[in-house]
């Protein structure tokens, strides 16, 4: 692509960009445009959970009515490519504000976020998002961020599970994930539950 080939920008400052960096930059650029669009839409009406997988990468995504927030929890199961005898877990998130720091999750964060924003743009709705990526031991060779984008797209195109509330949504996420490890790392879920408790009070 033109970005990877170093054909953009002021000529004297142009540099070749590694393909994976170029892909991430493009994913981020498109996501920023879609995000500004999605934030103008009304929230979704139901707590909804999606699930999909490709090449031993499992994606579970919960959408909650509200203004845009995105949290991704990446779980490398023990004995998988980047994990040893125990799970390796990385978390990152954002709100309506622009995300300027590079995600500790890496390119997968931007690929997953893009697929979710494409879905929300298509249905013209806004949401708070918790996305869990689970890489199993069967994912033994790095295939690139396209795998995450495809896995997330598969999830968002799957038959959604509509839930009564965030508690039922979390239970559904746990069922699809095969465990509740993700819950201990989700600040957004804790925030959502706290908001609900205050509202009920």
Protein backbone atom coordinates (compact mmCIF):
# COMPACT_ATOMS: atom_id res chain seq x y z
CA UNK A 1 0.00 0.00 0.00
CA UNK A 2 1.02 3.63 -0.40
CA UNK A 3 1.62 4.08 3.33
CA UNK A 4 3.85 1.03 3.60
CA UNK A 5 5.75 2.08 0.50
CA UNK A 6 6.50 5.48 2.01
CA UNK A 7 4.62 7.45 -0.64
CA UNK A 8 2.70 9.73 1.72
CA UNK A 9 3.73 12.98 3.38
CA UNK A 10 6.50 15.49 2.67
CA UNK A 11 8.94 13.86 0.26
CA UNK A 12 12.11 14.40 2.31
CA UNK A 13 10.42 12.90 5.40
CA UNK A 14 9.04 9.80 3.71
CA UNK A 15 10.06 6.41 5.09
CA UNK A 16 9.25 2.81 4.36
CA UNK A 17 6.80 1.49 6.95
CA UNK A 18 6.73 -2.20 7.99
CA UNK A 19 3.54 -3.81 6.72
CA UNK A 20 2.13 -4.56 10.16
CA UNK A 21 2.64 -0.93 11.25
CA UNK A 22 1.01 0.26 8.05
CA UNK A 23 -2.00 -1.99 8.63
CA UNK A 24 -2.36 -0.77 12.22
CA UNK A 25 -2.11 2.88 11.11
CA UNK A 26 -4.84 2.32 8.53
CA UNK A 27 -7.05 0.47 11.04
CA UNK A 28 -6.61 3.34 13.49
CA UNK A 29 -7.33 6.01 10.88
CA UNK A 30 -10.54 4.35 9.70
CA UNK A 31 -11.59 3.68 13.30
CA UNK A 32 -11.21 7.33 14.26
CA UNK A 33 -13.50 8.37 11.42
CA UNK A 34 -16.09 5.71 12.28
CA UNK A 35 -15.87 6.53 15.98
CA UNK A 36 -16.75 10.19 15.39
CA UNK A 37 -19.70 8.98 13.32
CA UNK A 38 -20.89 6.34 15.81
CA UNK A 39 -20.79 8.79 18.73
CA UNK A 40 -23.57 10.79 17.03
CA UNK A 41 -25.95 7.82 16.98
CA UNK A 42 -28.40 6.81 19.73
CA UNK A 43 -27.39 3.91 22.01
CA UNK A 44 -28.40 0.35 21.25
CA UNK A 45 -31.53 -0.76 23.10
CA UNK A 46 -30.40 -4.10 24.56
CA UNK A 47 -27.38 -5.70 26.20
CA UNK A 48 -26.15 -7.96 23.42
CA UNK A 49 -23.40 -10.59 23.24
CA UNK A 50 -21.64 -11.87 20.12
CA UNK A 51 -19.14 -14.70 19.69
CA UNK A 52 -16.90 -15.88 16.85
CA UNK A 53 -13.58 -17.56 16.18
CA UNK A 54 -10.93 -18.24 13.55
CA UNK A 55 -7.56 -19.99 13.79
CA UNK A 56 -7.80 -20.63 17.56
CA UNK A 57 -8.62 -16.97 18.26
CA UNK A 58 -11.94 -16.66 20.06
CA UNK A 59 -13.71 -13.30 20.29
CA UNK A 60 -16.59 -12.56 22.64
CA UNK A 61 -18.09 -9.08 22.50
CA UNK A 62 -20.70 -7.53 24.79
CA UNK A 63 -22.48 -4.34 23.75
CA UNK A 64 -24.20 -2.31 26.45
CA UNK A 65 -26.51 0.69 25.90
CA UNK A 66 -24.56 3.90 26.46
CA UNK A 67 -22.06 6.29 24.94
CA UNK A 68 -18.95 4.90 23.28
CA UNK A 69 -16.43 3.16 25.49
CA UNK A 70 -14.24 0.28 24.41
CA UNK A 71 -12.37 -2.19 26.56
CA UNK A 72 -10.39 -5.14 25.23
CA UNK A 73 -9.16 -7.98 27.40
CA UNK A 74 -6.64 -10.23 25.68
CA UNK A 75 -6.09 -13.65 27.24
CA UNK A 76 -3.22 -15.82 26.06
CA UNK A 77 -3.99 -19.18 27.60
CA UNK A 78 -1.16 -21.13 29.22
CA UNK A 79 1.04 -23.00 26.76
CA UNK A 80 -0.14 -20.75 23.94
CA UNK A 81 2.32 -18.83 21.76
CA UNK A 82 3.08 -15.95 24.19
CA UNK A 83 2.33 -17.73 27.46
CA UNK A 84 4.22 -20.24 29.58
CA UNK A 85 2.77 -22.16 32.50
CA UNK A 86 0.10 -19.56 33.23
CA UNK A 87 -2.23 -17.26 31.32
CA UNK A 88 -0.92 -13.92 30.07
CA UNK A 89 -3.53 -11.18 30.19
CA UNK A 90 -3.33 -7.67 28.75
CA UNK A 91 -6.03 -5.01 29.00
CA UNK A 92 -6.57 -1.68 27.30
CA UNK A 93 -9.49 0.70 26.94
CA UNK A 94 -10.69 4.07 25.72
CA UNK A 95 -13.57 6.49 26.06
CA UNK A 96 -14.98 9.13 23.73
CA UNK A 97 -11.67 10.99 23.88
CA UNK A 98 -9.10 10.28 21.18
CA UNK A 99 -6.66 7.50 22.03
CA UNK A 100 -3.17 8.87 21.44
CA UNK A 101 -0.93 6.33 23.18
CA UNK A 102 -0.12 3.05 21.44
CA UNK A 103 -2.05 0.13 22.89
CA UNK A 104 -0.08 -2.40 24.99
CA UNK A 105 -2.13 -5.06 23.25
CA UNK A 106 -0.62 -4.04 19.93
CA UNK A 107 -2.21 -4.13 16.50
CA UNK A 108 -4.90 -6.57 17.60
CA UNK A 109 -6.55 -3.79 19.61
CA UNK A 110 -7.01 -1.60 16.54
CA UNK A 111 -8.20 -4.47 14.34
CA UNK A 112 -10.82 -5.60 16.85
CA UNK A 113 -11.99 -2.04 17.52
CA UNK A 114 -12.39 -1.41 13.79
CA UNK A 115 -14.60 -4.47 13.29
CA UNK A 116 -16.85 -3.42 16.19
CA UNK A 117 -17.12 0.15 14.92
CA UNK A 118 -17.98 -1.10 11.43
CA UNK A 119 -20.86 -3.06 12.95
CA UNK A 120 -22.13 -0.11 14.98
CA UNK A 121 -21.83 2.15 11.95
CA UNK A 122 -23.86 -0.31 9.88
CA UNK A 123 -26.70 -0.40 12.43
CA UNK A 124 -26.31 3.33 13.18
CA UNK A 125 -26.07 2.84 16.93
CA UNK A 126 -23.69 3.69 19.79
CA UNK A 127 -22.61 1.40 22.66
CA UNK A 128 -20.25 0.63 25.50
CA UNK A 129 -18.16 -2.36 24.47
CA UNK A 130 -16.35 -5.11 26.33
CA UNK A 131 -14.41 -7.40 24.01
CA UNK A 132 -12.51 -10.51 25.10
CA UNK A 133 -9.95 -12.15 22.85
CA UNK A 134 -8.89 -15.64 23.90
CA UNK A 135 -5.92 -17.22 22.11
CA UNK A 136 -5.60 -20.94 22.82
CA UNK A 137 -2.57 -23.21 22.65
CA UNK A 138 -3.66 -24.19 19.15
CA UNK A 139 -2.65 -20.72 17.96
CA UNK A 140 1.04 -21.55 17.63
CA UNK A 141 2.22 -19.25 14.82
CA UNK A 142 1.64 -15.47 14.50
CA UNK A 143 -0.57 -14.86 11.47
CA UNK A 144 -1.04 -11.10 11.77
CA UNK A 145 -3.75 -8.76 12.95
CA UNK A 146 -6.00 -9.73 10.04
CA UNK A 147 -6.86 -12.82 12.10
CA UNK A 148 -8.25 -10.64 14.88
CA UNK A 149 -10.17 -8.47 12.45
CA UNK A 150 -11.72 -11.54 10.80
CA UNK A 151 -12.48 -13.24 14.13
CA UNK A 152 -14.17 -10.08 15.39
CA UNK A 153 -16.08 -9.63 12.14
CA UNK A 154 -17.23 -13.25 12.41
CA UNK A 155 -18.42 -12.53 15.93
CA UNK A 156 -20.29 -9.35 14.98
CA UNK A 157 -21.98 -11.20 12.11
CA UNK A 158 -23.05 -14.09 14.35
CA UNK A 159 -26.51 -14.56 15.84
CA UNK A 160 -26.56 -12.14 18.79
CA UNK A 161 -27.69 -13.15 22.26
CA UNK A 162 -29.91 -10.49 23.82
CA UNK A 163 -29.73 -10.24 27.60
CA UNK A 164 -31.93 -8.71 30.29
CA UNK A 165 -29.10 -6.75 31.91
CA UNK A 166 -25.32 -6.49 32.25
CA UNK A 167 -25.25 -9.33 34.80
CA UNK A 168 -26.88 -11.73 32.35
CA UNK A 169 -24.61 -10.34 29.64
CA UNK A 170 -21.53 -11.06 31.76
CA UNK A 171 -22.77 -14.58 32.47
CA UNK A 172 -23.15 -15.11 28.72
CA UNK A 173 -19.64 -13.79 28.06
CA UNK A 174 -18.29 -16.17 30.72
CA UNK A 175 -20.13 -19.08 29.11
CA UNK A 176 -18.68 -18.31 25.68
CA UNK A 177 -15.19 -17.75 27.15
CA UNK A 178 -15.24 -20.99 29.09
CA UNK A 179 -14.45 -19.19 32.36
CA UNK A 180 -14.72 -15.93 34.25
CA UNK A 181 -11.04 -14.89 34.24
CA UNK A 182 -11.92 -11.84 32.17
CA UNK A 183 -14.18 -10.47 34.93
CA UNK A 184 -11.28 -9.86 37.30
CA UNK A 185 -9.65 -7.57 34.73
CA UNK A 186 -12.65 -5.65 33.41
CA UNK A 187 -12.82 -2.17 34.86
CA UNK A 188 -15.63 -1.27 32.50
CA UNK A 189 -17.85 -4.08 33.79
CA UNK A 190 -17.22 -2.96 37.37
CA UNK A 191 -18.11 0.59 36.32
CA UNK A 192 -21.30 -0.58 34.61
CA UNK A 193 -22.40 -2.55 37.67
CA UNK A 194 -21.65 0.40 39.97
CA UNK A 195 -23.66 2.75 37.76
CA UNK A 196 -26.59 0.34 37.84
CA UNK A 197 -26.44 0.03 41.63
CA UNK A 198 -26.42 3.81 42.07
CA UNK A 199 -29.31 4.15 39.63
CA UNK A 200 -31.33 1.50 41.49
CA UNK A 201 -30.61 3.22 44.79
